[in-house]
Amino acid sequence: MNDLRLDTMMKSIDVYGRLAFGGQCVAAMAMIAGPVLVVTAAVLPFFTWGDNRGEALALWLGGWLVAVLVTAAGLGLGFFCWRWSGDWITEWYGYAIGFGIAAAANMVLAYLLVQSPLPVYLSFLSTMAAAFVLGFLVAGRLGGINVLPEQREQRQRELARRR
């Protein structure tokens, strides 16, 4: 009976690892967007500086504040999800795939915000949901995750030998 519970627990770790990787893809979106917002907040006010310096200053300070908050939220979510992620996420290809998904999602988000008639909240919601789901689906196909099925097969062989 204990072996059955162990197998159930091992299968649930798969799900937790996938959920964690999806969350880390969304966190990476925020970590990429933060520096982009800093650059935008540093450059954009110079183009609007013209006659209204108060508006330019508000835009500059507001942009920096949003950039800091977005980056902090990304780091917070990333550390929160990291505790449930598997060891394979901490390998270079886990980071590369996660940040690649995040960069692609940020590009789609930028397109939706600028060119699409979609409301702003739906643009954010759809791209973050897509990054999360894509991270969840891709996580099971990464190389390091294949250790778990092999461990399951070995455990089944050991159980069969005991019987």
C-alpha atoms as a PDB file:
ATOM      1  CA  MET A   1       0.000   0.000   0.000  1.00  0.00           C
ATOM      2  CA  ASN A   2       2.880   2.402   0.741  1.00  0.00           C
ATOM      3  CA  ASP A   3       4.288   1.800  -2.738  1.00  0.00           C
ATOM      4  CA  LEU A   4       0.971   2.837  -4.240  1.00  0.00           C
ATOM      5  CA  ARG A   5       1.037   6.109  -2.281  1.00  0.00           C
ATOM      6  CA  LEU A   6       4.653   6.705  -3.324  1.00  0.00           C
ATOM      7  CA  ASP A   7       3.766   6.211  -6.972  1.00  0.00           C
ATOM      8  CA  THR A   8       0.822   8.604  -6.630  1.00  0.00           C
ATOM      9  CA  MET A   9       3.079  11.157  -4.964  1.00  0.00           C
ATOM     10  CA  MET A  10       5.715  10.810  -7.696  1.00  0.00           C
ATOM     11  CA  LYS A  11       3.081  11.389 -10.371  1.00  0.00           C
ATOM     12  CA  SER A  12       1.843  14.495  -8.552  1.00  0.00           C
ATOM     13  CA  ILE A  13       5.386  15.885  -8.437  1.00  0.00           C
ATOM     14  CA  ASP A  14       5.306  15.766 -12.212  1.00  0.00           C
ATOM     15  CA  VAL A  15       2.246  18.035 -12.153  1.00  0.00           C
ATOM     16  CA  TYR A  16       3.784  20.371  -9.570  1.00  0.00           C
ATOM     17  CA  GLY A  17       6.953  20.635 -11.634  1.00  0.00           C
ATOM     18  CA  ARG A  18       4.952  21.442 -14.741  1.00  0.00           C
ATOM     19  CA  LEU A  19       2.859  24.041 -12.916  1.00  0.00           C
ATOM     20  CA  ALA A  20       6.032  25.545 -11.483  1.00  0.00           C
ATOM     21  CA  PHE A  21       7.624  25.795 -14.923  1.00  0.00           C
ATOM     22  CA  GLY A  22       4.515  27.478 -16.323  1.00  0.00           C
ATOM     23  CA  GLY A  23       4.638  29.964 -13.455  1.00  0.00           C
ATOM     24  CA  GLN A  24       8.320  30.544 -14.062  1.00  0.00           C
ATOM     25  CA  CYS A  25       7.616  31.338 -17.719  1.00  0.00           C
ATOM     26  CA  VAL A  26       5.150  34.019 -16.616  1.00  0.00           C
ATOM     27  CA  ALA A  27       7.706  35.278 -14.075  1.00  0.00           C
ATOM     28  CA  ALA A  28      10.336  35.454 -16.818  1.00  0.00           C
ATOM     29  CA  MET A  29       7.907  37.565 -18.869  1.00  0.00           C
ATOM     30  CA  ALA A  30       7.874  40.104 -16.043  1.00  0.00           C
ATOM     31  CA  MET A  31      11.650  39.932 -15.556  1.00  0.00           C
ATOM     32  CA  ILE A  32      12.150  40.697 -19.253  1.00  0.00           C
ATOM     33  CA  ALA A  33       9.474  43.408 -19.317  1.00  0.00           C
ATOM     34  CA  GLY A  34      10.956  45.289 -16.336  1.00  0.00           C
ATOM     35  CA  PRO A  35      14.201  46.386 -18.044  1.00  0.00           C
ATOM     36  CA  VAL A  36      12.295  47.169 -21.251  1.00  0.00           C
ATOM     37  CA  LEU A  37      10.003  49.438 -19.239  1.00  0.00           C
ATOM     38  CA  VAL A  38      13.019  51.122 -17.617  1.00  0.00           C
ATOM     39  CA  VAL A  39      14.492  51.918 -21.027  1.00  0.00           C
ATOM     40  CA  THR A  40      11.111  53.125 -22.260  1.00  0.00           C
ATOM     41  CA  ALA A  41      10.615  55.291 -19.172  1.00  0.00           C
ATOM     42  CA  ALA A  42      14.086  56.775 -19.610  1.00  0.00           C
ATOM     43  CA  VAL A  43      13.660  57.591 -23.317  1.00  0.00           C
ATOM     44  CA  LEU A  44       9.959  58.377 -23.824  1.00  0.00           C
ATOM     45  CA  PRO A  45       9.773  61.514 -21.644  1.00  0.00           C
ATOM     46  CA  PHE A  46      12.446  63.189 -23.795  1.00  0.00           C
ATOM     47  CA  PHE A  47      10.083  63.023 -26.759  1.00  0.00           C
ATOM     48  CA  THR A  48       7.168  64.484 -24.777  1.00  0.00           C
ATOM     49  CA  TRP A  49       9.299  67.008 -22.848  1.00  0.00           C
ATOM     50  CA  GLY A  50       8.327  69.851 -25.198  1.00  0.00           C
ATOM     51  CA  ASP A  51       5.932  72.246 -23.467  1.00  0.00           C
ATOM     52  CA  ASN A  52       4.672  70.217 -20.524  1.00  0.00           C
ATOM     53  CA  ARG A  53       7.537  69.277 -18.231  1.00  0.00           C
ATOM     54  CA  GLY A  54       5.223  68.199 -15.412  1.00  0.00           C
ATOM     55  CA  GLU A  55       3.620  65.556 -17.615  1.00  0.00           C
ATOM     56  CA  ALA A  56       7.033  64.339 -18.768  1.00  0.00           C
ATOM     57  CA  LEU A  57       8.240  64.097 -15.165  1.00  0.00           C
ATOM     58  CA  ALA A  58       5.111  62.170 -14.156  1.00  0.00           C
ATOM     59  CA  LEU A  59       5.588  59.825 -17.113  1.00  0.00           C
ATOM     60  CA  TRP A  60       9.254  59.331 -16.222  1.00  0.00           C
ATOM     61  CA  LEU A  61       8.588  58.595 -12.527  1.00  0.00           C
ATOM     62  CA  GLY A  62       5.511  56.485 -13.259  1.00  0.00           C
ATOM     63  CA  GLY A  63       7.411  54.415 -15.815  1.00  0.00           C
ATOM     64  CA  TRP A  64      10.224  53.749 -13.367  1.00  0.00           C
ATOM     65  CA  LEU A  65       7.729  52.789 -10.646  1.00  0.00           C
ATOM     66  CA  VAL A  66       5.879  50.392 -12.950  1.00  0.00           C
ATOM     67  CA  ALA A  67       9.190  48.876 -14.100  1.00  0.00           C
ATOM     68  CA  VAL A  68      10.341  48.272 -10.526  1.00  0.00           C
ATOM     69  CA  LEU A  69       6.974  46.777  -9.517  1.00  0.00           C
ATOM     70  CA  VAL A  70       6.820  44.491 -12.560  1.00  0.00           C
ATOM     71  CA  THR A  71      10.367  43.247 -12.001  1.00  0.00           C
ATOM     72  CA  ALA A  72       9.710  42.679  -8.286  1.00  0.00           C
ATOM     73  CA  ALA A  73       6.510  40.774  -9.092  1.00  0.00           C
ATOM     74  CA  GLY A  74       8.403  38.603 -11.590  1.00  0.00           C
ATOM     75  CA  LEU A  75      11.155  37.843  -9.100  1.00  0.00           C
ATOM     76  CA  GLY A  76       8.591  37.076  -6.389  1.00  0.00           C
ATOM     77  CA  LEU A  77       6.618  34.708  -8.602  1.00  0.00           C
ATOM     78  CA  GLY A  78       9.807  33.084  -9.857  1.00  0.00           C
ATOM     79  CA  PHE A  79      11.061  32.370  -6.328  1.00  0.00           C
ATOM     80  CA  PHE A  80       7.605  31.167  -5.280  1.00  0.00           C
ATOM     81  CA  CYS A  81       7.445  28.674  -8.160  1.00  0.00           C
ATOM     82  CA  TRP A  82      11.076  27.637  -7.802  1.00  0.00           C
ATOM     83  CA  ARG A  83      10.413  25.597  -4.677  1.00  0.00           C
ATOM     84  CA  TRP A  84       8.171  23.164  -6.603  1.00  0.00           C
ATOM     85  CA  SER A  85      10.266  22.992  -9.725  1.00  0.00           C
ATOM     86  CA  GLY A  86      12.324  19.944 -10.533  1.00  0.00           C
ATOM     87  CA  ASP A  87      16.080  19.810 -10.799  1.00  0.00           C
ATOM     88  CA  TRP A  88      15.858  19.863 -14.575  1.00  0.00           C
ATOM     89  CA  ILE A  89      14.559  23.448 -14.502  1.00  0.00           C
ATOM     90  CA  THR A  90      17.803  24.636 -12.971  1.00  0.00           C
ATOM     91  CA  GLU A  91      19.801  23.305 -15.916  1.00  0.00           C
ATOM     92  CA  TRP A  92      20.748  25.708 -18.700  1.00  0.00           C
ATOM     93  CA  TYR A  93      18.170  24.404 -21.161  1.00  0.00           C
ATOM     94  CA  GLY A  94      15.361  24.905 -18.641  1.00  0.00           C
ATOM     95  CA  TYR A  95      16.299  28.562 -18.282  1.00  0.00           C
ATOM     96  CA  ALA A  96      16.791  28.987 -22.029  1.00  0.00           C
ATOM     97  CA  ILE A  97      13.410  27.491 -22.876  1.00  0.00           C
ATOM     98  CA  GLY A  98      11.620  29.434 -20.124  1.00  0.00           C
ATOM     99  CA  PHE A  99      13.103  32.767 -21.154  1.00  0.00           C
ATOM    100  CA  GLY A 100      12.514  31.932 -24.828  1.00  0.00           C
ATOM    101  CA  ILE A 101       8.826  31.317 -24.168  1.00  0.00           C
ATOM    102  CA  ALA A 102       8.703  34.533 -22.130  1.00  0.00           C
ATOM    103  CA  ALA A 103      10.404  36.604 -24.837  1.00  0.00           C
ATOM    104  CA  ALA A 104       8.025  35.288 -27.496  1.00  0.00           C
ATOM    105  CA  ALA A 105       5.032  35.992 -25.256  1.00  0.00           C
ATOM    106  CA  ASN A 106       6.287  39.535 -24.619  1.00  0.00           C
ATOM    107  CA  MET A 107       6.597  40.151 -28.357  1.00  0.00           C
ATOM    108  CA  VAL A 108       3.051  38.918 -28.902  1.00  0.00           C
ATOM    109  CA  LEU A 109       1.902  41.100 -25.996  1.00  0.00           C
ATOM    110  CA  ALA A 110       3.583  44.166 -27.525  1.00  0.00           C
ATOM    111  CA  TYR A 111       1.875  43.453 -30.841  1.00  0.00           C
ATOM    112  CA  LEU A 112      -1.512  43.001 -29.157  1.00  0.00           C
ATOM    113  CA  LEU A 113      -1.129  46.223 -27.165  1.00  0.00           C
ATOM    114  CA  VAL A 114      -0.120  48.323 -30.183  1.00  0.00           C
ATOM    115  CA  GLN A 115      -1.854  46.799 -33.217  1.00  0.00           C
ATOM    116  CA  SER A 116      -4.821  44.800 -31.936  1.00  0.00           C
ATOM    117  CA  PRO A 117      -8.276  46.080 -31.035  1.00  0.00           C
ATOM    118  CA  LEU A 118      -8.229  43.643 -28.101  1.00  0.00           C
ATOM    119  CA  PRO A 119      -8.697  45.358 -24.706  1.00  0.00           C
ATOM    120  CA  VAL A 120      -5.524  45.807 -22.645  1.00  0.00           C
ATOM    121  CA  TYR A 121      -6.561  43.400 -19.889  1.00  0.00           C
ATOM    122  CA  LEU A 122      -7.381  40.671 -22.426  1.00  0.00           C
ATOM    123  CA  SER A 123      -4.010  41.203 -24.109  1.00  0.00           C
ATOM    124  CA  PHE A 124      -2.196  40.661 -20.816  1.00  0.00           C
ATOM    125  CA  LEU A 125      -4.423  37.779 -19.757  1.00  0.00           C
ATOM    126  CA  SER A 126      -4.180  35.916 -23.064  1.00  0.00           C
ATOM    127  CA  THR A 127      -0.401  36.176 -23.403  1.00  0.00           C
ATOM    128  CA  MET A 128       0.296  35.227 -19.776  1.00  0.00           C
ATOM    129  CA  ALA A 129      -2.121  32.303 -20.032  1.00  0.00           C
ATOM    130  CA  ALA A 130      -0.502  31.172 -23.276  1.00  0.00           C
ATOM    131  CA  ALA A 131       2.996  31.371 -21.740  1.00  0.00           C
ATOM    132  CA  PHE A 132       1.827  29.434 -18.678  1.00  0.00           C
ATOM    133  CA  VAL A 133       0.130  26.690 -20.716  1.00  0.00           C
ATOM    134  CA  LEU A 134       3.045  26.424 -23.133  1.00  0.00           C
ATOM    135  CA  GLY A 135       5.473  26.158 -20.213  1.00  0.00           C
ATOM    136  CA  PHE A 136       3.257  23.506 -18.604  1.00  0.00           C
ATOM    137  CA  LEU A 137       3.147  21.460 -21.814  1.00  0.00           C
ATOM    138  CA  VAL A 138       6.816  21.849 -22.716  1.00  0.00           C
ATOM    139  CA  ALA A 139       7.993  20.959 -19.202  1.00  0.00           C
ATOM    140  CA  GLY A 140       7.116  17.301 -19.629  1.00  0.00           C
ATOM    141  CA  ARG A 141       9.158  17.055 -22.812  1.00  0.00           C
ATOM    142  CA  LEU A 142      12.432  18.444 -21.496  1.00  0.00           C
ATOM    143  CA  GLY A 143      15.325  16.022 -21.233  1.00  0.00           C
ATOM    144  CA  GLY A 144      15.784  15.981 -17.471  1.00  0.00           C
ATOM    145  CA  ILE A 145      12.161  15.111 -16.753  1.00  0.00           C
ATOM    146  CA  ASN A 146      12.681  11.684 -18.357  1.00  0.00           C
ATOM    147  CA  VAL A 147      14.392  10.567 -15.170  1.00  0.00           C
ATOM    148  CA  LEU A 148      11.033  10.221 -13.459  1.00  0.00           C
ATOM    149  CA  PRO A 149       9.507   7.583 -15.811  1.00  0.00           C
ATOM    150  CA  GLU A 150      12.721   5.578 -15.609  1.00  0.00           C
ATOM    151  CA  GLN A 151      12.524   5.665 -11.825  1.00  0.00           C
ATOM    152  CA  ARG A 152       8.913   4.487 -12.026  1.00  0.00           C
ATOM    153  CA  GLU A 153       9.850   1.590 -14.290  1.00  0.00           C
ATOM    154  CA  GLN A 154      12.690   0.581 -11.988  1.00  0.00           C
ATOM    155  CA  ARG A 155      10.358   0.700  -8.985  1.00  0.00           C
ATOM    156  CA  GLN A 156       7.819  -1.493 -10.816  1.00  0.00           C
ATOM    157  CA  ARG A 157      10.534  -4.039 -11.611  1.00  0.00           C
ATOM    158  CA  GLU A 158      11.595  -4.080  -7.941  1.00  0.00           C
ATOM    159  CA  LEU A 159       7.972  -4.602  -6.859  1.00  0.00           C
ATOM    160  CA  ALA A 160       7.586  -7.450  -9.340  1.00  0.00           C
ATOM    161  CA  ARG A 161      10.758  -9.107  -8.006  1.00  0.00           C
ATOM    162  CA  ARG A 162       9.444  -8.911  -4.442  1.00  0.00           C
ATOM    163  CA  ARG A 163       6.226 -10.713  -5.366  1.00  0.00           C
END
